[in-house]
Each structure stands twice: as structure tokens, then as C-alpha cells.
Amino acid sequence: MTFEHKSVLLEETIESLNIKPDGIYVDGTLGGGGHSFEIAKQLENGRLIGIDQDEAAIKAAGARLDIYKDKVTIIRSNYSNIKNVLQDLKINLVDGILLDLGVSSHQLDTPERGFSYKENAPLDMRMDTRNAKTAKDIVNGYSEMELYRIIRDYGEDKFAKNIAKHIVRMREEKPIESTFELNEAIKAAIPMKFRVNTGHPSKRTFQAIRIELNRELEVLKDTLQDMITLLKPGGRLSIITFHSLEDRIVKSCFKENENPCVCPPNFPVCVCGKVSTGKIITKKPILPSEEELQENKRSKSAKLRVFERS
């Protein structure tokens, strides 16, 4: 199966990076290489480093970016290791960093990866298949309270308590091993009248388990500051989020970096000594155009935020 992934907010993101022909750029979520291809196209003697933890993405992006191979370096890793990746390449600072935090269409559309509630497959959901822990371990191993917490917080599902209860009840008879078995437990937990107009009942729970398994929010929270520190003056960090919690993390990190002062508002001068590291370019996030929404329904919840280092 070819690695297909329609890059969300493609033009807006490339424009936001202010690409210099001789600049150094990092695509921390390489995916199928859509964003990277457009960056590489604009480089003359610049350099692009593409990072992804997914083996299928690495292969697909490698093939797609082959015509630019003299200026592209592809590394299989998680973007949380960006500091070490750049150190190994003897790079101190870069001109731009991009993150597209969405699950790729390829991951969703490859049934055996277990990301999709629409196909029957083993409960996997690992973005990096080298990890031992899978979604099955969470579904069958977490306590009812832990399941409730992740479905409530990461899935933002108002039936989280009931879904957790039904999962635990079902797995007492036998372990829940497939996506469709998990669907059954979720369906049983949501009253029919709410299932009619709200899309697939499993969408939020699957999202919650995926975020928990791949530690998506912790990785983002722990790495944002590193990425800002790795930018040259004038360098930009462009991040596309698809989930309100991700967006909140990015928004508050950018805010703290733009205005880190913690002095009381009535102080005539700042005494805390905390200095701004740059400015937010997007006062409001950039959203997909009507045209993009029609062409790619997966872009619906995408938001792009951009920060520039001073």
C-alpha cells in the first residue's frame, strides 16, 4: 500500500516558515514528506532534516524526496530527540522547525496498524512499531479509573465513565483484542439517541487511547522549549495541531516565551529578569480554507500556530 497523506495547511505552513534558500530546516513529523518536499524545493545550498518514528513513513518520504537527496537527511526517531539528532549532525541552530501533529492518512488507512475503528484489526496503534506496548495493553491492563481519565481528558467524551465501565465489564469475560471488539464495548456504553447524529461512537475513545499509548501530549510539552531554543534569531517554529489539548499546550508555551515576566502588574519595572525569547506570529491560529475542508475532510480540526525567535 502506498503511503498516502494529504499535507494539511500546506501552502500556509510553507509560507509561515519564511524559507531561505541557504537555511537549515527540520520537519519533525516527516510523514509522507509532503511538507518536506515543498521545503526542499525552495532550498539551494540549504539543508533539510526529516524526522519520523514510523518505518513506513521513512520509506515513503525517502522515495518521494529522492530527487533532493543531496540536501535532505532522513532520520528514524521521535521529534522529542531533536536536540540529540542535531548534535549528532553537528548542527547548533536552525532556521525553521515544523511539526504536523496529525495521524497520517496512511496510518489510519492501513487496517493492520489498528488506528481505525472502521476496519477490524488487532488493537495496535503504535506510531513506532519498535515499542513493545500496544493499545491492547491499555484496553486490557488499565484500571476503570485510568480508562475513564484518558477517555475524558484525551477523548473529551461525555460518556467516558460509562465507556470505561463497559470496557472493564467486557474484558472480564475475555480480553478485548480487536478494534471491532472495542467498538462493541463503546457502542453498548452510548445511548442510541446520541449515536445517531454525532459521527462514529468510537472516534473519541480511539483518539484517547492513541494519545495515551504514544505519549503524544507529554512529548509535545517536553520538547517545545527545546525547539524554541534551537532556533536562530528570526527562525520560526510552525506547529499544526488537531486536538484542543495539543493546541492549548502550544498556545501557552508560545505565550510564556513571548511574555515570560511574572512580576505583579503594578510593578513599575520588571525585576524577575525573565526575558522574552521571541514573538507569536499568529495572534489567532491559521485554519484550513473552505476549499481545503471540502477536498480533505481530515483537515477539519487543524490549527497552525507560528512563533518567531528574537
C-alpha atoms as a PDB file:
ATOM      1  CA  MET A   1       0.000   0.000   0.000  1.00  0.00           C
ATOM      2  CA  THR A   2       1.451   3.388  -0.940  1.00  0.00           C
ATOM      3  CA  PHE A   3       1.982   5.892   1.852  1.00  0.00           C
ATOM      4  CA  GLU A   4      -0.669   8.461   1.028  1.00  0.00           C
ATOM      5  CA  HIS A   5      -1.050  11.524   3.162  1.00  0.00           C
ATOM      6  CA  LYS A   6      -2.513  14.803   2.079  1.00  0.00           C
ATOM      7  CA  SER A   7      -0.479  17.506   3.790  1.00  0.00           C
ATOM      8  CA  VAL A   8      -2.775  19.780   5.757  1.00  0.00           C
ATOM      9  CA  LEU A   9      -2.384  23.592   5.511  1.00  0.00           C
ATOM     10  CA  LEU A  10       0.461  23.000   3.066  1.00  0.00           C
ATOM     11  CA  GLU A  11       0.820  26.449   1.490  1.00  0.00           C
ATOM     12  CA  GLU A  12       0.133  28.290   4.745  1.00  0.00           C
ATOM     13  CA  THR A  13       2.760  26.267   6.609  1.00  0.00           C
ATOM     14  CA  ILE A  14       5.467  26.644   3.965  1.00  0.00           C
ATOM     15  CA  GLU A  15       4.783  30.388   3.813  1.00  0.00           C
ATOM     16  CA  SER A  16       4.942  30.644   7.621  1.00  0.00           C
ATOM     17  CA  LEU A  17       8.487  29.232   7.681  1.00  0.00           C
ATOM     18  CA  ASN A  18       9.913  32.127   5.622  1.00  0.00           C
ATOM     19  CA  ILE A  19      12.242  29.742   3.830  1.00  0.00           C
ATOM     20  CA  LYS A  20      15.721  30.977   2.947  1.00  0.00           C
ATOM     21  CA  PRO A  21      17.485  29.153   0.085  1.00  0.00           C
ATOM     22  CA  ASP A  22      20.552  28.539   2.285  1.00  0.00           C
ATOM     23  CA  GLY A  23      18.678  27.844   5.537  1.00  0.00           C
ATOM     24  CA  ILE A  24      18.562  24.722   7.713  1.00  0.00           C
ATOM     25  CA  TYR A  25      15.079  23.313   8.395  1.00  0.00           C
ATOM     26  CA  VAL A  26      13.721  20.420  10.424  1.00  0.00           C
ATOM     27  CA  ASP A  27      10.496  18.579   9.681  1.00  0.00           C
ATOM     28  CA  GLY A  28       9.932  16.795  12.991  1.00  0.00           C
ATOM     29  CA  THR A  29       6.971  14.765  11.710  1.00  0.00           C
ATOM     30  CA  LEU A  30       8.076  13.789   8.222  1.00  0.00           C
ATOM     31  CA  GLY A  31       5.096  11.538   7.376  1.00  0.00           C
ATOM     32  CA  GLY A  32       4.799  11.057   3.619  1.00  0.00           C
ATOM     33  CA  GLY A  33       7.128  14.009   3.041  1.00  0.00           C
ATOM     34  CA  GLY A  34       4.532  16.438   1.631  1.00  0.00           C
ATOM     35  CA  HIS A  35       5.637  19.478   3.625  1.00  0.00           C
ATOM     36  CA  SER A  36       9.312  18.481   3.303  1.00  0.00           C
ATOM     37  CA  PHE A  37       9.064  18.212  -0.474  1.00  0.00           C
ATOM     38  CA  GLU A  38       7.894  21.829  -0.691  1.00  0.00           C
ATOM     39  CA  ILE A  39      10.662  22.991   1.685  1.00  0.00           C
ATOM     40  CA  ALA A  40      13.382  21.090  -0.228  1.00  0.00           C
ATOM     41  CA  LYS A  41      12.100  22.583  -3.495  1.00  0.00           C
ATOM     42  CA  GLN A  42      12.973  26.078  -2.194  1.00  0.00           C
ATOM     43  CA  LEU A  43      16.452  25.208  -0.913  1.00  0.00           C
ATOM     44  CA  GLU A  44      19.545  25.915  -2.968  1.00  0.00           C
ATOM     45  CA  ASN A  45      22.508  25.207  -0.718  1.00  0.00           C
ATOM     46  CA  GLY A  46      20.325  24.819   2.369  1.00  0.00           C
ATOM     47  CA  ARG A  47      19.580  21.637   4.268  1.00  0.00           C
ATOM     48  CA  LEU A  48      16.508  19.765   5.445  1.00  0.00           C
ATOM     49  CA  ILE A  49      16.433  17.209   8.258  1.00  0.00           C
ATOM     50  CA  GLY A  50      13.349  14.983   8.298  1.00  0.00           C
ATOM     51  CA  ILE A  51      12.498  13.034  11.464  1.00  0.00           C
ATOM     52  CA  ASP A  52       9.835  10.352  11.861  1.00  0.00           C
ATOM     53  CA  GLN A  53       9.410   7.342  14.128  1.00  0.00           C
ATOM     54  CA  ASP A  54       7.269   5.414  11.646  1.00  0.00           C
ATOM     55  CA  GLU A  55       9.171   2.991   9.415  1.00  0.00           C
ATOM     56  CA  ALA A  56       6.576   3.170   6.608  1.00  0.00           C
ATOM     57  CA  ALA A  57       6.802   6.984   6.641  1.00  0.00           C
ATOM     58  CA  ILE A  58      10.599   6.892   6.431  1.00  0.00           C
ATOM     59  CA  LYS A  59      10.461   4.632   3.355  1.00  0.00           C
ATOM     60  CA  ALA A  60       7.746   6.653   1.622  1.00  0.00           C
ATOM     61  CA  ALA A  61       9.333  10.032   2.329  1.00  0.00           C
ATOM     62  CA  GLY A  62      12.735   8.701   1.262  1.00  0.00           C
ATOM     63  CA  ALA A  63      11.319   7.733  -2.136  1.00  0.00           C
ATOM     64  CA  ARG A  64       9.408  10.997  -2.508  1.00  0.00           C
ATOM     65  CA  LEU A  65      12.401  13.172  -1.580  1.00  0.00           C
ATOM     66  CA  ASP A  66      14.920  11.166  -3.590  1.00  0.00           C
ATOM     67  CA  ILE A  67      15.372  13.926  -6.189  1.00  0.00           C
ATOM     68  CA  TYR A  68      16.570  16.223  -3.379  1.00  0.00           C
ATOM     69  CA  LYS A  69      18.696  13.641  -1.590  1.00  0.00           C
ATOM     70  CA  ASP A  70      21.831  15.809  -1.695  1.00  0.00           C
ATOM     71  CA  LYS A  71      20.166  18.338   0.641  1.00  0.00           C
ATOM     72  CA  VAL A  72      17.908  16.073   2.701  1.00  0.00           C
ATOM     73  CA  THR A  73      18.826  13.916   5.707  1.00  0.00           C
ATOM     74  CA  ILE A  74      16.171  11.484   6.982  1.00  0.00           C
ATOM     75  CA  ILE A  75      16.362  10.057  10.497  1.00  0.00           C
ATOM     76  CA  ARG A  76      14.121   7.494  12.170  1.00  0.00           C
ATOM     77  CA  SER A  77      13.461   8.893  15.604  1.00  0.00           C
ATOM     78  CA  ASN A  78      10.845  10.760  17.621  1.00  0.00           C
ATOM     79  CA  TYR A  79      10.928  14.556  17.350  1.00  0.00           C
ATOM     80  CA  SER A  80      11.443  14.589  21.132  1.00  0.00           C
ATOM     81  CA  ASN A  81      15.084  13.656  20.334  1.00  0.00           C
ATOM     82  CA  ILE A  82      15.546  16.698  18.075  1.00  0.00           C
ATOM     83  CA  LYS A  83      18.363  18.115  20.228  1.00  0.00           C
ATOM     84  CA  ASN A  84      20.424  14.911  20.019  1.00  0.00           C
ATOM     85  CA  VAL A  85      19.650  14.417  16.322  1.00  0.00           C
ATOM     86  CA  LEU A  86      21.009  17.902  15.543  1.00  0.00           C
ATOM     87  CA  GLN A  87      24.022  17.436  17.845  1.00  0.00           C
ATOM     88  CA  ASP A  88      24.923  14.224  16.005  1.00  0.00           C
ATOM     89  CA  LEU A  89      24.740  16.149  12.723  1.00  0.00           C
ATOM     90  CA  LYS A  90      26.970  18.899  14.202  1.00  0.00           C
ATOM     91  CA  ILE A  91      24.166  21.471  13.820  1.00  0.00           C
ATOM     92  CA  ASN A  92      23.760  24.048  16.618  1.00  0.00           C
ATOM     93  CA  LEU A  93      20.851  26.210  15.452  1.00  0.00           C
ATOM     94  CA  VAL A  94      18.295  26.037  12.642  1.00  0.00           C
ATOM     95  CA  ASP A  95      16.186  28.491  10.612  1.00  0.00           C
ATOM     96  CA  GLY A  96      12.891  26.705  10.999  1.00  0.00           C
ATOM     97  CA  ILE A  97      11.129  23.724  12.582  1.00  0.00           C
ATOM     98  CA  LEU A  98       7.804  22.228  11.504  1.00  0.00           C
ATOM     99  CA  LEU A  99       5.512  19.799  13.322  1.00  0.00           C
ATOM    100  CA  ASP A 100       2.323  18.343  11.844  1.00  0.00           C
ATOM    101  CA  LEU A 101       0.794  16.505  14.790  1.00  0.00           C
ATOM    102  CA  GLY A 102      -1.932  14.673  12.884  1.00  0.00           C
ATOM    103  CA  VAL A 103      -2.052  10.919  12.403  1.00  0.00           C
ATOM    104  CA  SER A 104      -1.177  10.282   8.773  1.00  0.00           C
ATOM    105  CA  SER A 105      -3.861   9.048   6.401  1.00  0.00           C
ATOM    106  CA  HIS A 106      -1.618   6.060   5.735  1.00  0.00           C
ATOM    107  CA  GLN A 107      -1.622   5.058   9.395  1.00  0.00           C
ATOM    108  CA  LEU A 108      -5.405   5.355   9.532  1.00  0.00           C
ATOM    109  CA  ASP A 109      -5.916   3.548   6.232  1.00  0.00           C
ATOM    110  CA  THR A 110      -3.601   0.595   6.918  1.00  0.00           C
ATOM    111  CA  PRO A 111      -6.009  -1.721   8.765  1.00  0.00           C
ATOM    112  CA  GLU A 112      -3.370  -3.870  10.471  1.00  0.00           C
ATOM    113  CA  ARG A 113      -1.947  -0.823  12.268  1.00  0.00           C
ATOM    114  CA  GLY A 114      -5.140  -0.797  14.379  1.00  0.00           C
ATOM    115  CA  PHE A 115      -5.623   3.007  14.314  1.00  0.00           C
ATOM    116  CA  SER A 116      -9.009   2.871  12.636  1.00  0.00           C
ATOM    117  CA  TYR A 117     -12.320   1.942  14.188  1.00  0.00           C
ATOM    118  CA  LYS A 118     -13.695   1.305  10.674  1.00  0.00           C
ATOM    119  CA  GLU A 119     -11.587  -1.793   9.996  1.00  0.00           C
ATOM    120  CA  ASN A 120     -11.328  -4.949  12.059  1.00  0.00           C
ATOM    121  CA  ALA A 121      -7.732  -5.433  13.153  1.00  0.00           C
ATOM    122  CA  PRO A 122      -5.606  -6.206  16.220  1.00  0.00           C
ATOM    123  CA  LEU A 123      -5.561  -3.348  18.752  1.00  0.00           C
ATOM    124  CA  ASP A 124      -2.147  -1.871  17.996  1.00  0.00           C
ATOM    125  CA  MET A 125      -1.991   1.946  17.374  1.00  0.00           C
ATOM    126  CA  ARG A 126       1.802   2.208  17.772  1.00  0.00           C
ATOM    127  CA  MET A 127       3.339   5.050  15.800  1.00  0.00           C
ATOM    128  CA  ASP A 128       6.718   3.417  16.394  1.00  0.00           C
ATOM    129  CA  THR A 129       6.386  -0.343  15.935  1.00  0.00           C
ATOM    130  CA  ARG A 130       9.661  -0.857  17.863  1.00  0.00           C
ATOM    131  CA  ASN A 131       7.758  -0.143  21.098  1.00  0.00           C
ATOM    132  CA  ALA A 132       6.529  -3.228  22.923  1.00  0.00           C
ATOM    133  CA  LYS A 133       3.364  -1.692  24.432  1.00  0.00           C
ATOM    134  CA  THR A 134       0.226  -1.613  22.261  1.00  0.00           C
ATOM    135  CA  ALA A 135      -3.341  -0.312  22.559  1.00  0.00           C
ATOM    136  CA  LYS A 136      -4.379  -3.816  23.624  1.00  0.00           C
ATOM    137  CA  ASP A 137      -2.252  -3.441  26.784  1.00  0.00           C
ATOM    138  CA  ILE A 138      -4.050  -0.214  27.693  1.00  0.00           C
ATOM    139  CA  VAL A 139      -7.545  -1.544  26.972  1.00  0.00           C
ATOM    140  CA  ASN A 140      -6.977  -4.726  28.974  1.00  0.00           C
ATOM    141  CA  GLY A 141      -4.500  -3.519  31.583  1.00  0.00           C
ATOM    142  CA  TYR A 142      -5.617  -0.066  32.763  1.00  0.00           C
ATOM    143  CA  SER A 143      -7.976   0.202  35.724  1.00  0.00           C
ATOM    144  CA  GLU A 144     -11.503   1.513  35.153  1.00  0.00           C
ATOM    145  CA  MET A 145     -10.446   4.818  36.743  1.00  0.00           C
ATOM    146  CA  GLU A 146      -7.418   5.178  34.429  1.00  0.00           C
ATOM    147  CA  LEU A 147      -9.520   4.383  31.359  1.00  0.00           C
ATOM    148  CA  TYR A 148     -12.131   6.905  32.455  1.00  0.00           C
ATOM    149  CA  ARG A 149      -9.435   9.580  32.913  1.00  0.00           C
ATOM    150  CA  ILE A 150      -7.860   9.161  29.463  1.00  0.00           C
ATOM    151  CA  ILE A 151     -11.211   8.908  27.620  1.00  0.00           C
ATOM    152  CA  ARG A 152     -12.465  12.002  29.455  1.00  0.00           C
ATOM    153  CA  ASP A 153      -9.273  14.073  29.055  1.00  0.00           C
ATOM    154  CA  TYR A 154      -7.881  12.950  25.695  1.00  0.00           C
ATOM    155  CA  GLY A 155     -11.135  11.935  24.018  1.00  0.00           C
ATOM    156  CA  GLU A 156     -13.246  14.665  25.619  1.00  0.00           C
ATOM    157  CA  ASP A 157     -16.137  12.195  25.576  1.00  0.00           C
ATOM    158  CA  LYS A 158     -19.040  12.915  27.899  1.00  0.00           C
ATOM    159  CA  PHE A 159     -19.751   9.175  28.140  1.00  0.00           C
ATOM    160  CA  ALA A 160     -16.201   8.421  29.332  1.00  0.00           C
ATOM    161  CA  LYS A 161     -17.333   6.937  32.662  1.00  0.00           C
ATOM    162  CA  ASN A 162     -19.791   4.581  31.008  1.00  0.00           C
ATOM    163  CA  ILE A 163     -17.348   3.574  28.254  1.00  0.00           C
ATOM    164  CA  ALA A 164     -14.665   2.690  30.833  1.00  0.00           C
ATOM    165  CA  LYS A 165     -17.233   0.638  32.780  1.00  0.00           C
ATOM    166  CA  HIS A 166     -18.304  -1.295  29.654  1.00  0.00           C
ATOM    167  CA  ILE A 167     -14.708  -1.994  28.595  1.00  0.00           C
ATOM    168  CA  VAL A 168     -13.918  -3.448  32.022  1.00  0.00           C
ATOM    169  CA  ARG A 169     -17.135  -5.496  32.051  1.00  0.00           C
ATOM    170  CA  MET A 170     -16.426  -6.914  28.585  1.00  0.00           C
ATOM    171  CA  ARG A 171     -12.789  -7.799  29.244  1.00  0.00           C
ATOM    172  CA  GLU A 172     -13.752  -9.727  32.380  1.00  0.00           C
ATOM    173  CA  GLU A 173     -15.287 -12.350  30.073  1.00  0.00           C
ATOM    174  CA  LYS A 174     -12.298 -12.417  27.714  1.00  0.00           C
ATOM    175  CA  PRO A 175      -9.532  -9.980  26.690  1.00  0.00           C
ATOM    176  CA  ILE A 176     -10.519  -7.329  24.126  1.00  0.00           C
ATOM    177  CA  GLU A 177      -8.157  -7.986  21.226  1.00  0.00           C
ATOM    178  CA  SER A 178      -9.532  -6.298  18.107  1.00  0.00           C
ATOM    179  CA  THR A 179     -10.772  -2.882  17.058  1.00  0.00           C
ATOM    180  CA  PHE A 180     -14.282  -4.233  16.427  1.00  0.00           C
ATOM    181  CA  GLU A 181     -14.449  -5.833  19.887  1.00  0.00           C
ATOM    182  CA  LEU A 182     -13.566  -2.456  21.371  1.00  0.00           C
ATOM    183  CA  ASN A 183     -16.244  -0.856  19.149  1.00  0.00           C
ATOM    184  CA  GLU A 184     -18.814  -3.223  20.682  1.00  0.00           C
ATOM    185  CA  ALA A 185     -17.961  -2.128  24.220  1.00  0.00           C
ATOM    186  CA  ILE A 186     -18.118   1.564  23.249  1.00  0.00           C
ATOM    187  CA  LYS A 187     -21.409   1.201  21.366  1.00  0.00           C
ATOM    188  CA  ALA A 188     -23.004  -0.522  24.340  1.00  0.00           C
ATOM    189  CA  ALA A 189     -21.984   2.424  26.548  1.00  0.00           C
ATOM    190  CA  ILE A 190     -23.542   5.214  24.459  1.00  0.00           C
ATOM    191  CA  PRO A 191     -27.334   5.594  24.321  1.00  0.00           C
ATOM    192  CA  MET A 192     -28.765   5.099  20.827  1.00  0.00           C
ATOM    193  CA  LYS A 193     -30.278   8.603  20.604  1.00  0.00           C
ATOM    194  CA  PHE A 194     -26.774  10.137  20.988  1.00  0.00           C
ATOM    195  CA  ARG A 195     -25.216   7.802  18.424  1.00  0.00           C
ATOM    196  CA  VAL A 196     -27.412   8.996  15.559  1.00  0.00           C
ATOM    197  CA  ASN A 197     -26.043  12.482  14.797  1.00  0.00           C
ATOM    198  CA  THR A 198     -22.607  12.552  16.378  1.00  0.00           C
ATOM    199  CA  GLY A 199     -20.406  10.580  13.966  1.00  0.00           C
ATOM    200  CA  HIS A 200     -18.847   7.253  14.868  1.00  0.00           C
ATOM    201  CA  PRO A 201     -19.220   6.500  18.606  1.00  0.00           C
ATOM    202  CA  SER A 202     -15.657   5.107  18.818  1.00  0.00           C
ATOM    203  CA  LYS A 203     -13.864   8.132  17.372  1.00  0.00           C
ATOM    204  CA  ARG A 204     -13.092   9.852  20.673  1.00  0.00           C
ATOM    205  CA  THR A 205     -12.100   6.725  22.596  1.00  0.00           C
ATOM    206  CA  PHE A 206      -9.744   5.545  19.834  1.00  0.00           C
ATOM    207  CA  GLN A 207      -8.164   9.006  19.786  1.00  0.00           C
ATOM    208  CA  ALA A 208      -7.735   8.933  23.574  1.00  0.00           C
ATOM    209  CA  ILE A 209      -6.051   5.511  23.582  1.00  0.00           C
ATOM    210  CA  ARG A 210      -3.743   6.536  20.712  1.00  0.00           C
ATOM    211  CA  ILE A 211      -2.677   9.739  22.502  1.00  0.00           C
ATOM    212  CA  GLU A 212      -2.022   7.832  25.739  1.00  0.00           C
ATOM    213  CA  LEU A 213      -0.111   4.991  24.064  1.00  0.00           C
ATOM    214  CA  ASN A 214       2.161   7.236  22.013  1.00  0.00           C
ATOM    215  CA  ARG A 215       2.531   9.777  24.867  1.00  0.00           C
ATOM    216  CA  GLU A 216       1.670  12.481  22.337  1.00  0.00           C
ATOM    217  CA  LEU A 217       0.902  15.295  24.786  1.00  0.00           C
ATOM    218  CA  GLU A 218       3.875  14.663  27.106  1.00  0.00           C
ATOM    219  CA  VAL A 219       6.263  14.529  24.142  1.00  0.00           C
ATOM    220  CA  LEU A 220       4.902  17.834  22.838  1.00  0.00           C
ATOM    221  CA  LYS A 221       5.007  19.532  26.246  1.00  0.00           C
ATOM    222  CA  ASP A 222       8.535  18.299  26.986  1.00  0.00           C
ATOM    223  CA  THR A 223      10.010  19.275  23.601  1.00  0.00           C
ATOM    224  CA  LEU A 224       8.518  22.685  22.718  1.00  0.00           C
ATOM    225  CA  GLN A 225      11.007  24.669  24.772  1.00  0.00           C
ATOM    226  CA  ASP A 226      13.931  22.751  23.251  1.00  0.00           C
ATOM    227  CA  MET A 227      12.693  23.592  19.780  1.00  0.00           C
ATOM    228  CA  ILE A 228      12.412  27.310  20.505  1.00  0.00           C
ATOM    229  CA  THR A 229      15.947  27.248  21.947  1.00  0.00           C
ATOM    230  CA  LEU A 230      17.252  25.575  18.776  1.00  0.00           C
ATOM    231  CA  LEU A 231      16.061  28.411  16.513  1.00  0.00           C
ATOM    232  CA  LYS A 232      18.390  31.076  15.123  1.00  0.00           C
ATOM    233  CA  PRO A 233      17.255  34.709  15.598  1.00  0.00           C
ATOM    234  CA  GLY A 234      14.398  35.167  13.121  1.00  0.00           C
ATOM    235  CA  GLY A 235      13.941  31.397  12.921  1.00  0.00           C
ATOM    236  CA  ARG A 236      10.386  30.080  13.069  1.00  0.00           C
ATOM    237  CA  LEU A 237       8.573  27.205  14.723  1.00  0.00           C
ATOM    238  CA  SER A 238       5.358  26.243  12.888  1.00  0.00           C
ATOM    239  CA  ILE A 239       3.046  23.708  14.532  1.00  0.00           C
ATOM    240  CA  ILE A 240      -0.156  22.157  13.200  1.00  0.00           C
ATOM    241  CA  THR A 241      -2.376  20.683  15.925  1.00  0.00           C
ATOM    242  CA  PHE A 242      -5.564  18.637  15.578  1.00  0.00           C
ATOM    243  CA  HIS A 243      -6.719  18.408  19.176  1.00  0.00           C
ATOM    244  CA  SER A 244      -7.767  21.103  21.634  1.00  0.00           C
ATOM    245  CA  LEU A 245      -5.313  19.871  24.293  1.00  0.00           C
ATOM    246  CA  GLU A 246      -2.380  19.981  21.848  1.00  0.00           C
ATOM    247  CA  ASP A 247      -3.417  23.441  20.742  1.00  0.00           C
ATOM    248  CA  ARG A 248      -3.618  24.625  24.350  1.00  0.00           C
ATOM    249  CA  ILE A 249      -0.092  23.345  25.091  1.00  0.00           C
ATOM    250  CA  VAL A 250       1.337  25.137  22.023  1.00  0.00           C
ATOM    251  CA  LYS A 251      -0.582  28.346  22.680  1.00  0.00           C
ATOM    252  CA  SER A 252       0.514  28.639  26.309  1.00  0.00           C
ATOM    253  CA  CYS A 253       4.170  27.777  25.550  1.00  0.00           C
ATOM    254  CA  PHE A 254       4.278  30.447  22.833  1.00  0.00           C
ATOM    255  CA  LYS A 255       2.648  32.960  25.214  1.00  0.00           C
ATOM    256  CA  GLU A 256       5.142  32.241  28.002  1.00  0.00           C
ATOM    257  CA  ASN A 257       8.034  32.683  25.595  1.00  0.00           C
ATOM    258  CA  GLU A 258       6.692  35.946  24.214  1.00  0.00           C
ATOM    259  CA  ASN A 259       5.950  37.396  27.632  1.00  0.00           C
ATOM    260  CA  PRO A 260       7.606  35.395  30.447  1.00  0.00           C
ATOM    261  CA  CYS A 261       7.576  38.213  33.022  1.00  0.00           C
ATOM    262  CA  VAL A 262       5.986  37.099  36.309  1.00  0.00           C
ATOM    263  CA  CYS A 263       6.145  40.460  38.111  1.00  0.00           C
ATOM    264  CA  PRO A 264       2.867  41.796  39.569  1.00  0.00           C
ATOM    265  CA  PRO A 265       1.157  44.182  37.106  1.00  0.00           C
ATOM    266  CA  ASN A 266       1.594  47.148  39.481  1.00  0.00           C
ATOM    267  CA  PHE A 267       5.427  46.925  39.459  1.00  0.00           C
ATOM    268  CA  PRO A 268       6.872  49.940  37.600  1.00  0.00           C
ATOM    269  CA  VAL A 269       9.785  47.882  36.195  1.00  0.00           C
ATOM    270  CA  CYS A 270      10.426  44.170  35.694  1.00  0.00           C
ATOM    271  CA  VAL A 271      12.529  42.636  38.465  1.00  0.00           C
ATOM    272  CA  CYS A 272      12.031  38.933  37.702  1.00  0.00           C
ATOM    273  CA  GLY A 273      14.669  39.067  34.967  1.00  0.00           C
ATOM    274  CA  LYS A 274      12.722  36.798  32.622  1.00  0.00           C
ATOM    275  CA  VAL A 275      13.317  37.925  29.061  1.00  0.00           C
ATOM    276  CA  SER A 276      11.147  37.340  26.006  1.00  0.00           C
ATOM    277  CA  THR A 277      12.605  34.824  23.543  1.00  0.00           C
ATOM    278  CA  GLY A 278      10.540  35.970  20.570  1.00  0.00           C
ATOM    279  CA  LYS A 279       7.078  36.779  19.300  1.00  0.00           C
ATOM    280  CA  ILE A 280       3.920  34.979  18.279  1.00  0.00           C
ATOM    281  CA  ILE A 281       3.306  35.481  14.549  1.00  0.00           C
ATOM    282  CA  THR A 282      -0.240  34.066  14.612  1.00  0.00           C
ATOM    283  CA  LYS A 283      -2.352  36.032  17.091  1.00  0.00           C
ATOM    284  CA  LYS A 284      -5.150  33.690  16.063  1.00  0.00           C
ATOM    285  CA  PRO A 285      -4.400  30.238  14.632  1.00  0.00           C
ATOM    286  CA  ILE A 286      -4.483  29.787  10.865  1.00  0.00           C
ATOM    287  CA  LEU A 287      -7.329  27.458   9.842  1.00  0.00           C
ATOM    288  CA  PRO A 288      -7.907  25.460   6.637  1.00  0.00           C
ATOM    289  CA  SER A 289      -9.711  27.263   3.804  1.00  0.00           C
ATOM    290  CA  GLU A 290     -13.221  26.246   2.717  1.00  0.00           C
ATOM    291  CA  GLU A 291     -11.645  24.686  -0.362  1.00  0.00           C
ATOM    292  CA  GLU A 292      -9.263  22.543   1.686  1.00  0.00           C
ATOM    293  CA  LEU A 293     -12.059  21.457   4.013  1.00  0.00           C
ATOM    294  CA  GLN A 294     -14.012  20.198   1.014  1.00  0.00           C
ATOM    295  CA  GLU A 295     -11.011  18.426  -0.513  1.00  0.00           C
ATOM    296  CA  ASN A 296      -9.696  16.869   2.695  1.00  0.00           C
ATOM    297  CA  LYS A 297     -12.185  16.324   5.491  1.00  0.00           C
ATOM    298  CA  ARG A 298      -9.379  15.235   7.816  1.00  0.00           C
ATOM    299  CA  SER A 299      -8.181  18.848   7.908  1.00  0.00           C
ATOM    300  CA  LYS A 300     -11.313  19.881   9.817  1.00  0.00           C
ATOM    301  CA  SER A 301      -9.767  20.398  13.272  1.00  0.00           C
ATOM    302  CA  ALA A 302      -6.336  21.604  12.072  1.00  0.00           C
ATOM    303  CA  LYS A 303      -4.841  24.784  13.546  1.00  0.00           C
ATOM    304  CA  LEU A 304      -1.485  26.316  12.653  1.00  0.00           C
ATOM    305  CA  ARG A 305       0.404  28.456  15.180  1.00  0.00           C
ATOM    306  CA  VAL A 306       3.746  30.130  14.471  1.00  0.00           C
ATOM    307  CA  PHE A 307       6.453  31.528  16.781  1.00  0.00           C
ATOM    308  CA  GLU A 308       9.493  33.586  15.727  1.00  0.00           C
ATOM    309  CA  ARG A 309      12.721  33.645  17.725  1.00  0.00           C
ATOM    310  CA  SER A 310      14.193  37.059  18.514  1.00  0.00           C
END
